[in-house]
Amino acid sequence: MIDLLSQRARRVFAVSMLSLGLAGCSVTGDGLPSVERSALQPQAAYYAERPAEKFPVVAVDTSQIDAQFLKQVVDYRSPHPPGTVVVDPHRRFLYLVEKGGKAIRYGVGVGREGLAFAGTGTVQEKREWPHWTPTAAMIARDPKRYAKWAAGMEGGAANPLGARALYLFKNGQDTRYRIHGTTEPDSIGKAVSSGCIRMMNQDVIDLYGRVPLGARVVVL
């Protein structure tokens, strides 16, 4: 009888540990387990408003965002050295490669311009609250919406580039490829009509502080 109870206890313990393991670990699209998001800052605090910013950065309601697109640390097998930014526009992820087979993964939204480039480049410019000028293609597609901004829009809370922008160059030439913030966090994880790679403002502020000029960017 004691042996039967002991066996049952071991089974219950094993199932409990398995449940805990599943609760604390998800699986990425790469088939690799990702670390619980609490490995970084608590999400409520991280995605809160940023009152110290030059212009308002409002809090993100994370309950309205698919959890896979919130900032988290994941296991990431990559041939690229730490510090490399890897953009997967098709799966809507951006990775910042770290040591030890890890990466910080952020969710992104992708526009037509974000699918127009693939390959490698470098971050040659970084700007806080950047000026924005719609491309000629954007104006041609939707002149009613964009023509009035042909001369550009100054940085601010309403600017489509959001709080930060990183500018990708290749062989010294501007690729017109941008990694930038957005005023529309509900567009993260989606294909949107215009723009390049958009991130929630809290995420692009975080990335901006981690990525130096000259950093290598790989766009899949």
Foldseek 3Di string as FASTA:
>chain_A
DVVVVVVVVVVVVVVVVVVVVPVQWDADPVRFIFGRQVVDPPLQVLQDWDVVDPATQHGDPCVLPDVVQAKGKTQADDPDDAQEWEAEQVQQWIWRDDPDRMTTIHGKEFAPLQPPDFFKFFQADKDFLAKDAFDPVVCVVPVVPHVVQNVIDGGYLQDQQAGMKTFTDHPNHTSQAIEGEGNCQSNTRYYDHDDHIYGHNSVVVVVSVRHDGGHMYGYD
